[in-house]
Protein backbone atom coordinates (compact mmCIF):
# COMPACT_ATOMS: atom_id res chain seq x y z
CA MET A 1 20.98 -45.07 -35.10
CA LYS A 2 17.41 -44.42 -36.19
CA THR A 3 16.09 -46.72 -33.42
CA ALA A 4 18.11 -44.88 -30.77
CA THR A 5 16.71 -41.55 -31.92
CA ILE A 6 13.11 -42.80 -31.80
CA THR A 7 13.64 -44.28 -28.32
CA PHE A 8 15.07 -41.01 -27.01
CA ILE A 9 12.10 -39.00 -28.30
CA ALA A 10 9.65 -41.45 -26.73
CA ILE A 11 11.36 -41.26 -23.33
CA ALA A 12 11.60 -37.49 -23.41
CA THR A 13 7.92 -37.19 -24.27
CA SER A 14 6.82 -39.52 -21.48
CA LEU A 15 8.98 -37.66 -18.96
CA SER A 16 7.50 -34.34 -20.04
CA ILE A 17 3.95 -35.62 -19.68
CA PHE A 18 4.71 -37.07 -16.23
CA SER A 19 6.33 -33.84 -15.11
CA SER A 20 3.39 -31.73 -16.28
CA ALA A 21 0.86 -33.95 -14.55
CA SER A 22 2.94 -33.94 -11.38
CA LYS A 23 3.17 -30.16 -11.34
CA THR A 24 -0.58 -29.86 -11.85
CA SER A 25 -1.26 -32.16 -8.91
CA TYR A 26 1.05 -30.10 -6.73
CA HIS A 27 -0.72 -26.91 -7.79
CA ASN A 28 -4.09 -28.44 -6.95
CA LEU A 29 -2.70 -29.56 -3.60
CA PHE A 30 -1.52 -26.01 -2.95
CA ILE A 31 -5.07 -24.70 -3.37
CA SER A 32 -6.57 -27.41 -1.16
CA THR A 33 -4.24 -26.98 1.84
CA SER A 34 -5.54 -23.59 2.98
CA ASP A 35 -5.75 -22.65 6.65
CA ASN A 36 -7.69 -19.56 7.70
CA ALA A 37 -6.93 -20.27 11.38
CA SER A 38 -3.19 -19.89 10.87
CA ILE A 39 -3.71 -16.68 8.86
CA SER A 40 -5.83 -15.27 11.68
CA GLN A 41 -3.16 -16.16 14.23
CA HIS A 42 -0.40 -14.58 12.14
CA LEU A 43 -2.40 -11.36 11.80
CA PHE A 44 -3.22 -11.25 15.51
CA THR A 45 0.45 -11.67 16.44
CA LEU A 46 1.75 -9.14 13.92
CA THR A 47 -0.76 -6.45 14.96
CA ARG A 48 -0.59 -6.75 18.75
CA ARG A 49 1.47 -3.53 18.95
CA PRO A 50 1.93 -0.48 16.72
CA HIS A 51 5.05 -1.11 14.62
CA VAL A 52 6.18 1.88 12.62
CA ALA A 53 9.40 1.56 10.63
CA GLY A 54 12.52 1.94 12.76
CA SER A 55 10.79 0.92 16.00
CA GLN A 56 11.64 -1.96 18.31
CA ALA A 57 8.15 -3.38 17.77
CA ASN A 58 8.77 -3.53 14.02
CA ALA A 59 12.11 -5.27 14.59
CA GLU A 60 10.22 -7.84 16.67
CA ALA A 61 7.71 -8.26 13.84
CA ALA A 62 10.63 -8.88 11.46
CA ALA A 63 11.97 -11.54 13.82
CA TYR A 64 8.54 -13.19 13.84
CA VAL A 65 8.38 -13.32 10.03
CA LEU A 66 11.95 -14.66 9.89
CA SER A 67 11.32 -17.43 12.44
CA THR A 68 8.01 -18.37 10.80
CA LEU A 69 9.62 -18.78 7.37
CA ASP A 70 12.39 -20.86 8.95
CA SER A 71 9.77 -23.07 10.61
CA TYR A 72 8.40 -23.84 7.14
CA ASP A 73 11.88 -24.96 6.01
CA ILE A 74 12.38 -21.81 3.95
CA PRO A 75 15.92 -20.47 4.55
CA SER A 76 15.69 -16.77 5.43
CA HIS A 77 17.86 -13.81 6.28
CA ILE A 78 17.64 -10.08 7.03
CA ALA A 79 18.82 -7.42 4.57
CA SER A 80 19.24 -4.17 6.51
CA TYR A 81 19.76 -0.55 5.44
CA ASP A 82 20.46 2.69 7.31
CA VAL A 83 17.93 5.25 6.09
CA LEU A 84 16.52 8.66 6.96
CA LEU A 85 13.16 8.53 8.75
CA THR A 86 11.21 11.27 10.53
CA TYR A 87 9.25 11.21 13.78
CA PRO A 88 7.13 13.90 15.46
CA VAL A 89 8.74 15.80 18.34
CA LEU A 90 6.23 18.61 18.76
CA ARG A 91 3.05 19.44 16.89
CA SER A 92 0.25 21.79 17.80
CA LEU A 93 -2.69 23.42 16.08
CA THR A 94 -4.47 26.51 17.38
CA LEU A 95 -7.54 28.21 15.94
CA THR A 96 -7.73 31.92 16.75
CA ARG A 97 -11.09 33.68 16.38
CA PRO A 98 -11.95 37.39 16.57
CA PRO A 99 -12.65 38.71 20.13
CA PRO A 100 -14.39 37.98 22.38
CA ASP A 101 -13.93 34.29 21.42
CA SER A 102 -10.86 32.67 22.95
CA PRO A 103 -8.39 30.56 20.93
CA THR A 104 -8.96 26.81 20.56
CA THR A 105 -5.99 24.48 20.87
CA PHE A 106 -6.69 21.03 19.46
CA ASP A 107 -5.35 17.98 21.30
CA LEU A 108 -4.75 16.06 18.02
CA ARG A 109 -5.28 12.70 19.73
CA GLN A 110 -7.06 9.64 18.41
CA GLU A 111 -9.40 8.42 21.15
CA ILE A 112 -9.57 4.91 22.57
CA TYR A 113 -12.95 3.29 21.90
CA ASN A 114 -15.14 1.31 24.31
CA GLY A 115 -13.86 -2.23 24.63
CA ASP A 116 -10.59 -1.38 22.85
CA LEU A 117 -8.41 -4.50 23.12
CA TYR A 118 -5.36 -2.38 22.38
CA ALA A 119 -5.87 0.33 24.99
CA ASP A 120 -2.85 -0.97 26.92
CA VAL A 121 -0.52 -0.13 24.02
CA ALA A 122 -2.31 2.97 22.69
CA ASP A 123 0.47 5.18 24.06
CA GLU A 124 2.88 3.44 21.66
CA VAL A 125 0.99 4.88 18.68
CA LEU A 126 3.00 7.77 17.26
CA PRO A 127 1.37 11.21 17.53
CA THR A 128 -0.40 12.05 14.28
CA PHE A 129 1.95 13.59 11.72
CA HIS A 130 3.08 13.67 8.11
CA ALA A 131 6.41 11.96 7.52
CA TYR A 132 9.00 14.27 5.90
CA ALA A 133 6.80 17.35 6.36
CA LYS A 134 8.90 20.48 6.79
CA SER A 135 9.43 21.57 10.39
CA GLY A 136 8.33 25.10 11.22
CA THR A 137 5.73 27.49 12.59
CA VAL A 138 2.93 28.67 10.33
CA SER A 139 0.20 31.21 11.03
CA GLY A 140 -2.38 32.68 8.69
CA PRO A 141 -6.06 32.87 7.73
CA ALA A 142 -7.61 29.52 6.87
CA VAL A 143 -8.83 28.92 3.31
CA TYR A 144 -10.81 25.84 2.35
CA VAL A 145 -9.35 24.29 -0.83
CA ASN A 146 -11.54 21.17 -1.23
CA TYR A 147 -9.25 18.25 -2.20
CA GLY A 148 -6.30 20.55 -2.84
CA ARG A 149 -6.08 19.76 -6.55
CA VAL A 150 -4.79 22.15 -9.19
CA GLU A 151 -8.34 22.57 -10.51
CA ASP A 152 -9.59 23.43 -7.01
CA TYR A 153 -7.14 26.33 -6.79
CA ALA A 154 -8.26 27.46 -10.25
CA ILE A 155 -11.87 27.58 -9.00
CA LEU A 156 -10.82 29.64 -5.96
CA LYS A 157 -8.97 32.05 -8.22
CA GLY A 158 -12.10 32.39 -10.35
CA MET A 159 -14.06 33.23 -7.19
CA GLY A 160 -11.59 35.99 -6.36
CA VAL A 161 -10.15 34.20 -3.32
CA ASN A 162 -6.51 35.08 -2.63
CA VAL A 163 -4.70 32.12 -1.05
CA SER A 164 -1.35 33.89 -0.65
CA GLY A 165 -0.12 33.77 2.94
CA THR A 166 -2.95 31.50 4.09
CA VAL A 167 -3.09 28.09 5.74
CA ALA A 168 -4.91 25.74 3.37
CA LEU A 169 -7.55 23.41 4.81
CA ALA A 170 -7.86 20.42 2.47
CA ARG A 171 -9.68 17.13 2.74
CA TYR A 172 -8.21 13.74 1.95
CA GLY A 173 -9.24 11.97 -1.24
CA GLN A 174 -8.83 12.19 -5.03
CA ILE A 175 -5.06 12.81 -5.01
CA PHE A 176 -1.98 11.73 -3.04
CA ARG A 177 -1.42 13.69 0.19
CA GLY A 178 2.07 14.68 -1.01
CA ASN A 179 0.51 16.40 -4.01
CA ILE A 180 -1.93 18.24 -1.74
CA VAL A 181 1.06 19.68 0.12
CA GLU A 182 2.91 20.46 -3.12
CA ASN A 183 -0.08 22.35 -4.51
CA ALA A 184 -0.56 24.38 -1.30
CA TYR A 185 3.09 25.44 -1.36
CA ASP A 186 2.69 29.08 -0.21
CA ALA A 187 2.43 28.76 3.60
CA GLY A 188 1.12 25.56 5.15
CA VAL A 189 -1.62 22.98 4.85
CA VAL A 190 -3.86 21.09 7.26
CA ILE A 191 -5.47 17.95 5.80
CA TYR A 192 -8.54 16.45 7.43
CA THR A 193 -10.53 13.26 6.99
CA ASP A 194 -14.00 14.36 5.84
CA ARG A 195 -16.88 12.25 7.15
CA LYS A 196 -18.49 12.54 3.72
CA ASP A 197 -15.70 10.32 2.38
CA TYR A 198 -14.62 8.26 5.41
CA GLY A 199 -17.28 8.70 8.12
CA GLY A 200 -20.32 7.25 6.40
CA GLY A 201 -21.64 10.67 5.38
CA GLY A 202 -22.93 11.72 8.81
CA GLY A 203 -26.63 11.94 9.61
CA GLY A 204 -26.64 9.58 12.58
CA VAL A 205 -24.41 6.96 10.97
CA LYS A 206 -22.48 5.00 13.60
CA TRP A 207 -18.75 4.57 13.42
CA PHE A 208 -16.16 2.05 14.59
CA PRO A 209 -16.43 -0.10 16.69
CA ASP A 210 -20.19 -0.26 15.96
CA GLU A 211 -19.80 0.18 12.20
CA LYS A 212 -16.85 0.28 9.81
CA TRP A 213 -16.61 4.09 9.53
CA MET A 214 -13.82 6.32 10.82
CA PRO A 215 -14.58 7.76 14.29
CA PRO A 216 -14.66 11.56 14.77
CA SER A 217 -11.14 11.61 16.26
CA GLY A 218 -9.64 9.32 13.61
CA VAL A 219 -6.67 10.71 11.68
CA GLN A 220 -5.12 9.43 8.46
CA VAL A 221 -1.37 9.76 8.86
CA GLY A 222 1.17 9.11 6.13
CA SER A 223 4.18 10.33 4.21
CA VAL A 224 4.19 13.48 2.09
CA PHE A 225 7.49 12.60 0.41
CA ARG A 226 6.78 12.24 -3.31
CA GLY A 227 9.89 10.23 -4.12
CA THR A 228 10.82 6.62 -3.42
CA GLY A 229 13.62 5.18 -1.35
CA ASP A 230 15.89 6.86 1.18
CA PRO A 231 15.86 10.63 0.45
CA THR A 232 19.60 10.82 1.24
CA THR A 233 20.63 8.19 -1.35
CA PRO A 234 18.66 8.75 -4.55
CA GLY A 235 19.62 6.04 -7.03
CA TRP A 236 22.00 4.04 -4.85
CA PRO A 237 21.55 1.76 -1.80
CA SER A 238 21.86 3.03 1.79
CA THR A 239 24.50 0.55 2.86
CA GLY A 240 27.47 0.90 5.20
CA THR A 241 29.39 4.15 4.81
CA CYS A 242 27.88 5.05 1.44
CA GLU A 243 27.83 8.63 0.19
CA ARG A 244 24.74 10.59 1.28
CA LEU A 245 23.12 13.91 0.48
CA SER A 246 23.49 16.56 3.17
CA ASP A 247 20.46 17.88 5.07
CA ASP A 248 20.48 21.01 2.90
CA GLU A 249 20.64 18.94 -0.28
CA VAL A 250 17.70 16.80 0.88
CA GLU A 251 15.61 19.90 1.63
CA GLN A 252 16.32 21.24 -1.87
CA ARG A 253 14.95 18.12 -3.59
CA ASP A 254 11.80 18.79 -5.62
CA ASP A 255 10.01 15.76 -4.15
CA VAL A 256 10.58 16.78 -0.50
CA PRO A 257 7.90 19.11 0.98
CA HIS A 258 8.89 22.76 1.39
CA ILE A 259 6.05 23.76 3.74
CA PRO A 260 4.72 22.37 7.03
CA SER A 261 1.65 20.12 6.95
CA LEU A 262 -0.43 18.29 9.52
CA PRO A 263 -3.19 15.65 9.33
CA ILE A 264 -6.26 16.13 11.55
CA SER A 265 -9.56 14.41 12.29
CA TRP A 266 -12.96 15.26 10.83
CA ALA A 267 -14.04 16.54 14.26
CA ASP A 268 -11.20 19.09 14.24
CA GLY A 269 -11.79 19.81 10.57
CA ASP A 270 -15.44 20.61 11.31
CA ALA A 271 -14.41 23.02 14.08
CA ILE A 272 -12.09 24.92 11.74
CA MET A 273 -14.67 24.88 8.95
CA ARG A 274 -17.26 26.54 11.22
CA SER A 275 -14.87 29.44 11.77
CA ILE A 276 -14.24 30.15 8.08
CA GLY A 277 -16.19 33.00 6.53
CA GLY A 278 -16.38 34.27 2.98
CA LEU A 279 -18.28 32.86 0.04
CA VAL A 280 -20.20 29.60 0.31
CA ALA A 281 -18.34 26.78 -1.42
CA LYS A 282 -19.79 24.93 -4.42
CA ASP A 283 -22.24 22.09 -3.85
CA ASP A 284 -19.68 19.42 -4.71
CA TRP A 285 -17.27 21.00 -2.21
CA GLN A 286 -19.72 20.55 0.67
CA GLY A 287 -19.54 17.88 3.37
CA GLY A 288 -21.93 15.19 4.51
CA ILE A 289 -25.19 15.38 6.43
CA ASP A 290 -24.93 17.46 9.65
CA ALA A 291 -21.68 19.04 8.47
CA PRO A 292 -21.40 22.84 8.70
CA VAL A 293 -21.85 24.92 5.56
CA TYR A 294 -18.47 24.92 3.87
CA ARG A 295 -17.18 28.39 3.02
CA VAL A 296 -13.96 29.08 1.21
CA GLY A 297 -12.61 31.88 3.45
CA PRO A 298 -10.22 33.30 4.15
CA GLY A 299 -11.58 33.13 7.79
CA PRO A 300 -2.48 28.02 12.35
CA GLY A 301 0.05 25.90 14.10
CA ILE A 302 3.49 24.65 15.12
CA ILE A 303 5.03 21.53 13.63
CA GLU A 304 8.42 20.13 14.54
CA LEU A 305 9.81 16.82 13.33
CA SER A 306 13.01 15.01 14.18
CA TYR A 307 15.00 13.57 11.30
CA THR A 308 17.04 10.53 12.27
CA HIS A 309 18.88 7.67 10.61
CA CYS A 310 17.40 4.29 11.51
CA THR A 311 18.11 0.71 10.57
CA ILE A 312 15.33 -0.94 8.59
CA GLU A 313 15.09 -4.68 8.01
CA ASN A 314 13.84 -6.53 4.95
CA VAL A 315 13.21 -10.23 5.59
CA ILE A 316 14.17 -12.45 2.62
CA GLY A 317 13.17 -16.12 2.33
CA ILE A 318 14.28 -18.42 -0.51
CA ILE A 319 13.05 -21.70 -2.00
CA GLU A 320 15.80 -22.66 -4.44
CA GLY A 321 14.84 -23.83 -7.90
CA ALA A 322 15.85 -27.31 -9.05
CA GLU A 323 16.49 -26.62 -12.75
CA GLU A 324 16.86 -22.84 -13.13
CA PRO A 325 18.04 -21.73 -9.67
CA ASP A 326 19.38 -18.44 -11.05
CA ARG A 327 15.93 -17.31 -12.25
CA PHE A 328 13.68 -15.74 -9.62
CA VAL A 329 9.96 -15.28 -8.98
CA ILE A 330 9.53 -12.73 -6.17
CA LEU A 331 6.56 -12.35 -3.82
CA GLY A 332 6.58 -9.05 -1.94
CA ASN A 333 4.68 -7.41 0.91
CA HIS A 334 5.67 -4.76 3.44
CA ARG A 335 5.53 -5.22 7.21
CA ASP A 336 5.80 -1.72 8.72
CA ALA A 337 2.58 0.10 9.65
CA TRP A 338 1.73 3.60 10.86
CA THR A 339 -0.20 2.03 13.74
CA PHE A 340 -1.48 -1.56 14.13
CA GLY A 341 -1.80 -2.22 10.39
CA ALA A 342 -4.34 -5.06 10.39
CA VAL A 343 -5.45 -4.19 6.85
CA ASP A 344 -2.48 -2.20 5.60
CA PRO A 345 -0.14 -4.05 5.38
CA ASN A 346 -0.34 -7.07 7.65
CA SER A 347 -3.31 -8.72 5.97
CA GLY A 348 -0.80 -9.11 3.15
CA THR A 349 1.96 -10.29 5.52
CA ALA A 350 -0.35 -12.95 6.97
CA ALA A 351 -1.29 -14.08 3.45
CA MET A 352 2.40 -14.28 2.50
CA LEU A 353 3.11 -16.52 5.49
CA GLU A 354 0.14 -18.67 4.43
CA VAL A 355 1.65 -19.05 0.94
CA ALA A 356 4.98 -19.97 2.53
CA GLN A 357 3.33 -22.55 4.79
CA ARG A 358 1.58 -24.23 1.86
CA LEU A 359 4.76 -24.31 -0.23
CA GLY A 360 6.58 -25.79 2.76
CA LYS A 361 4.01 -28.60 2.79
CA LEU A 362 4.53 -29.17 -0.94
CA GLN A 363 8.27 -29.48 -0.37
CA LYS A 364 7.64 -32.24 2.17
CA ARG A 365 5.63 -34.06 -0.55
CA GLY A 366 8.60 -33.92 -2.90
CA TRP A 367 7.87 -30.76 -4.89
CA LYS A 368 10.69 -28.47 -5.94
CA PRO A 369 10.15 -25.40 -8.13
CA ARG A 370 11.85 -25.24 -11.48
CA ARG A 371 12.88 -21.64 -10.75
CA THR A 372 13.73 -20.05 -7.41
CA ILE A 373 10.91 -18.48 -5.38
CA VAL A 374 11.85 -15.53 -3.17
CA PHE A 375 9.73 -14.07 -0.35
CA CYS A 376 10.46 -10.39 0.40
CA ASN A 377 8.91 -8.81 3.49
CA TRP A 378 9.78 -5.14 3.07
CA ASP A 379 10.36 -2.47 5.71
CA ALA A 380 9.65 1.30 5.66
CA GLU A 381 7.20 1.16 2.75
CA GLU A 382 5.00 3.74 4.43
CA TYR A 383 7.74 6.35 4.42
CA GLY A 384 8.25 6.10 0.66
CA LEU A 385 8.74 2.49 -0.51
CA ILE A 386 12.16 2.61 1.13
CA GLY A 387 12.92 -1.04 1.91
CA SER A 388 12.02 -2.34 -1.54
CA THR A 389 13.69 0.55 -3.37
CA GLU A 390 16.97 0.16 -1.47
CA TRP A 391 16.99 -3.59 -2.17
CA VAL A 392 16.33 -3.01 -5.86
CA GLU A 393 19.09 -0.39 -6.01
CA GLU A 394 21.53 -2.79 -4.35
CA ASN A 395 20.62 -5.72 -6.61
CA ARG A 396 19.85 -3.85 -9.82
CA GLU A 397 21.94 -5.98 -12.23
CA MET A 398 20.71 -9.28 -10.81
CA ILE A 399 17.08 -8.18 -10.93
CA ALA A 400 17.34 -6.88 -14.50
CA SER A 401 18.85 -10.11 -15.82
CA ARG A 402 17.34 -12.84 -13.65
CA VAL A 403 13.98 -11.87 -12.12
CA VAL A 404 11.06 -13.39 -14.00
CA ALA A 405 8.29 -11.46 -12.25
CA TYR A 406 7.43 -9.52 -9.10
CA LEU A 407 4.10 -10.31 -7.38
CA ASN A 408 2.99 -7.71 -4.83
CA VAL A 409 0.26 -7.85 -2.20
CA ASP A 410 0.19 -4.76 0.00
CA ILE A 411 -3.33 -5.42 1.34
CA ALA A 412 -4.77 -8.93 1.05
CA ALA A 413 -8.27 -8.17 2.33
CA GLN A 414 -10.27 -5.07 3.22
CA ALA A 415 -13.69 -5.83 1.69
CA ALA A 416 -15.38 -8.01 -0.93
CA GLY A 417 -14.36 -8.02 -4.59
CA PHE A 418 -11.08 -9.01 -6.22
CA HIS A 419 -8.97 -6.25 -7.77
CA ALA A 420 -5.70 -6.53 -9.67
CA SER A 421 -3.31 -4.37 -11.63
CA ALA A 422 -0.48 -5.73 -13.74
CA THR A 423 1.90 -5.24 -16.60
CA PRO A 424 0.05 -6.55 -19.68
CA GLN A 425 1.98 -9.78 -20.30
CA LEU A 426 0.58 -11.16 -17.00
CA ASP A 427 -3.10 -10.47 -17.76
CA GLU A 428 -3.97 -13.97 -19.00
CA LEU A 429 -2.06 -15.65 -16.19
CA LEU A 430 -4.10 -13.70 -13.62
CA LYS A 431 -7.32 -14.75 -15.33
CA GLN A 432 -6.24 -18.40 -15.39
CA ALA A 433 -5.32 -18.40 -11.69
CA THR A 434 -8.59 -16.78 -10.60
CA GLN A 435 -10.53 -19.41 -12.58
CA GLN A 436 -9.07 -22.07 -10.27
CA VAL A 437 -9.94 -20.44 -6.93
CA GLN A 438 -13.38 -20.29 -5.32
CA ASP A 439 -14.81 -16.83 -4.64
CA PRO A 440 -14.68 -16.27 -0.85
CA ASP A 441 -18.05 -14.50 -0.81
CA ASN A 442 -19.97 -16.85 -3.12
CA SER A 443 -19.01 -20.52 -3.13
CA SER A 444 -21.07 -21.18 -6.27
CA GLN A 445 -18.61 -19.30 -8.48
CA THR A 446 -14.91 -18.72 -8.99
CA ILE A 447 -13.10 -15.49 -8.29
CA TYR A 448 -12.86 -14.98 -12.04
CA GLU A 449 -16.62 -15.25 -12.52
CA ALA A 450 -17.28 -12.75 -9.73
CA TRP A 451 -14.56 -10.49 -11.10
CA VAL A 452 -16.03 -10.51 -14.61
CA GLY A 453 -19.49 -9.85 -13.21
CA SER A 454 -18.30 -6.76 -11.35
CA SER A 455 -16.28 -5.31 -14.25
CA LYS A 456 -17.64 -2.91 -16.83
CA SER A 457 -15.88 -4.84 -19.57
CA ASN A 458 -13.44 -7.72 -19.93
CA GLU A 459 -10.76 -5.26 -20.99
CA SER A 460 -11.14 -3.06 -17.90
CA MET A 461 -10.84 -5.92 -15.40
CA ILE A 462 -7.11 -5.49 -14.87
CA GLY A 463 -5.66 -2.09 -14.09
CA ARG A 464 -2.18 -0.83 -14.87
CA LEU A 465 0.64 -0.17 -12.41
CA GLY A 466 1.06 3.59 -12.55
CA GLY A 467 2.58 5.86 -9.92
CA GLY A 468 4.30 4.71 -6.76
CA GLY A 469 1.39 3.23 -4.86
CA SER A 470 3.26 0.24 -3.42
CA ASP A 471 6.46 -1.80 -3.51
CA TYR A 472 6.09 -2.82 -7.15
CA ALA A 473 7.23 0.70 -8.13
CA ALA A 474 10.99 0.11 -8.14
CA PHE A 475 10.62 -3.19 -10.00
CA VAL A 476 8.36 -1.74 -12.70
CA GLN A 477 9.64 1.81 -13.05
CA HIS A 478 13.36 1.34 -12.38
CA ILE A 479 13.97 -2.07 -13.96
CA GLY A 480 10.94 -2.99 -16.08
CA VAL A 481 10.16 -6.30 -14.35
CA PRO A 482 6.76 -7.88 -15.18
CA SER A 483 4.68 -7.21 -12.07
CA VAL A 484 1.29 -7.69 -10.40
CA ASP A 485 -0.49 -6.03 -7.47
CA MET A 486 -3.70 -7.55 -6.10
CA SER A 487 -6.19 -7.25 -3.24
CA PHE A 488 -9.70 -8.03 -2.08
CA GLY A 489 -11.62 -4.78 -1.69
CA LYS A 490 -10.73 -1.27 -2.72
CA GLY A 491 -10.41 1.32 0.03
CA TYR A 492 -11.52 1.25 3.66
CA PRO A 493 -12.57 4.06 6.03
CA VAL A 494 -10.03 3.64 8.86
CA TYR A 495 -7.02 3.73 6.51
CA HIS A 496 -3.74 4.73 8.23
CA SER A 497 -5.48 5.43 11.55
CA MET A 498 -5.14 3.73 14.95
CA TYR A 499 -8.47 2.00 14.28
CA ASP A 500 -6.92 -0.22 11.61
CA ASP A 501 -6.63 -3.07 14.11
CA PHE A 502 -7.45 -6.76 14.44
CA THR A 503 -10.92 -5.94 15.82
CA TRP A 504 -11.82 -3.92 12.70
CA MET A 505 -10.64 -6.77 10.47
CA LYS A 506 -12.62 -9.39 12.41
CA LYS A 507 -15.81 -7.32 12.36
CA PHE A 508 -15.74 -5.67 8.94
CA GLY A 509 -12.74 -6.49 6.72
CA ASP A 510 -12.79 -10.29 6.62
CA PRO A 511 -14.60 -11.87 9.60
CA MET A 512 -13.90 -15.51 8.62
CA PHE A 513 -10.53 -14.81 6.90
CA HIS A 514 -11.84 -16.47 3.73
CA ARG A 515 -10.68 -13.50 1.63
CA HIS A 516 -7.20 -13.85 3.08
CA VAL A 517 -7.22 -17.53 2.10
CA ALA A 518 -8.39 -16.72 -1.43
CA ALA A 519 -5.79 -13.97 -1.82
CA ALA A 520 -3.06 -16.40 -0.75
CA SER A 521 -4.38 -19.00 -3.21
CA VAL A 522 -4.30 -16.66 -6.21
CA TRP A 523 -0.95 -15.16 -5.19
CA GLY A 524 0.68 -18.56 -4.71
CA LEU A 525 -0.86 -20.09 -7.81
CA VAL A 526 0.46 -17.27 -10.03
CA ALA A 527 3.88 -17.77 -8.43
CA LEU A 528 3.76 -21.54 -8.98
CA LYS A 529 2.87 -21.20 -12.66
CA LEU A 530 5.74 -18.74 -13.17
CA ALA A 531 8.16 -20.90 -11.19
CA ASP A 532 7.20 -24.33 -12.54
CA GLU A 533 6.22 -24.06 -16.20
CA GLU A 534 9.00 -24.86 -18.64
CA LEU A 535 8.00 -21.99 -20.93
CA LEU A 536 7.19 -18.78 -19.08
CA PRO A 537 3.41 -18.17 -19.27
CA PHE A 538 3.61 -14.65 -20.65
CA ASN A 539 1.04 -13.49 -23.21
CA TYR A 540 2.11 -10.47 -25.21
CA LEU A 541 -1.17 -10.03 -27.09
CA SER A 542 -2.40 -7.90 -24.18
CA TYR A 543 0.81 -5.90 -24.41
CA SER A 544 0.33 -5.17 -28.11
CA HIS A 545 -3.26 -4.12 -27.46
CA GLU A 546 -2.15 -1.83 -24.64
CA LEU A 547 0.49 -0.22 -26.85
CA GLN A 548 -2.13 0.34 -29.55
CA VAL A 549 -4.44 2.05 -27.04
CA CYS A 550 -1.57 4.25 -25.83
CA LEU A 551 -0.67 5.18 -29.40
CA GLU A 552 -4.26 6.16 -30.20
CA THR A 553 -4.45 8.22 -27.01
CA LEU A 554 -1.22 10.00 -27.88
CA ILE A 555 -2.45 10.77 -31.41
CA THR A 556 -5.67 12.23 -29.95
CA ILE A 557 -3.73 14.44 -27.53
CA ILE A 558 -1.45 15.70 -30.30
CA LYS A 559 -4.45 16.56 -32.47
CA LEU A 560 -6.15 18.44 -29.63
CA THR A 561 -3.04 20.45 -28.75
CA SER A 562 -1.77 21.20 -32.25
């Protein structure tokens, strides 16, 4: 009996060592089988037409993702939901000046640039608008409110400026556009893209297509809904004949805007700014070089949106686990874009398809994950994280009990420099993965080494997943799933405009697609470690440290307010 026991232990040990070595070789193979040409082709195909959620073009993009996953021997299907989306029917903006000046009506169009490869489909770009903005007509004196923050209104009050009954002119930046609208509240708000922040500062600086900066007619569109998911089904999935809130009930929600709003370009913002009188704004409220002197005022418009129920389509691909098939590692990215979406989100979609292609190659070499890997290509993220939220609401119990981790990449590449945010137990895993991947902008070092070099401290390298910035929100905030969000670069000037196209990516975002390749390598490697290792590679020392920091912060706040 003793001999049998010893023999069993010896066999088990040798099998474990063989399995570990085999997994490591597969992981190394995953890193070495990169293909920037296929990523480039995926991105070109996905961004050939504007593909806002609910559109035929976006349905075609979903079909492309589905067929591509199938071609990599990854069984896939579509999970659809009927949700409330908004589209612009009529919007206008008129600036009325004292006589004898005549009114100015802005055309609110984003202009085609010289050599625009997408001029033939420019008419498919939706007119600039804010999703879920309240329909209505607003007229009043314009007041400049800087970034539209609570503290900006406090400064105006201190200057004796009465904002009641006015139309607020705010610039993008610092806070979410939905909060700009919420803070304006009284009448209406027009939000412009200031060249100081997005146009290179002015002063003769060139803009896209010559340089990376937002052109004068560029407009940042987006949603001003402050919630997540379908506004008509808060807390439950929008499936079949489910119960829904009425239109009146939706309008009464605190997170739905109660005033009209409209996004405009920095060229139109400048024109309005030149008409505003009153006190000169503070130095840090001023614009870039060549901008007019910003005054606070007081020194108008029609907005009408159609609200309609549309079918959205999440694409789900599955590689079934061999030993723990009922435990899931999820990779997520959204597909829908306000316009062409080369950076946001389809750089991430192309990287996801690259991960899928590499894992398909590993399967042909005999690899099978220990746990199931799931690819989720979400729809309607731009409207308010709708596709991911509805899927989480529909699968809440399964996710809470079986999902190991959620790994999100909204944008794979927009500039140099790796950035990541995570729940604390994944900190060490992120560091390990980045130590195995070459930095795309400096082949003499790893991503980790470049990351450490650009960080103020080792502790500040990894951010935390606060707010509802991307599709990780429902997983983290509703269920508490360990999650990661990562990207190369942090912010880009043509965000959410029609200039976020393949040309911009090729010239400025990632010309050789090496950052896309690196993003796919880190993303896939983290997934492989979570899917393959016998013991989940969570490290809760970071979590305990984070809790200690939060406790100390709370104690400080209590002392200051008591």
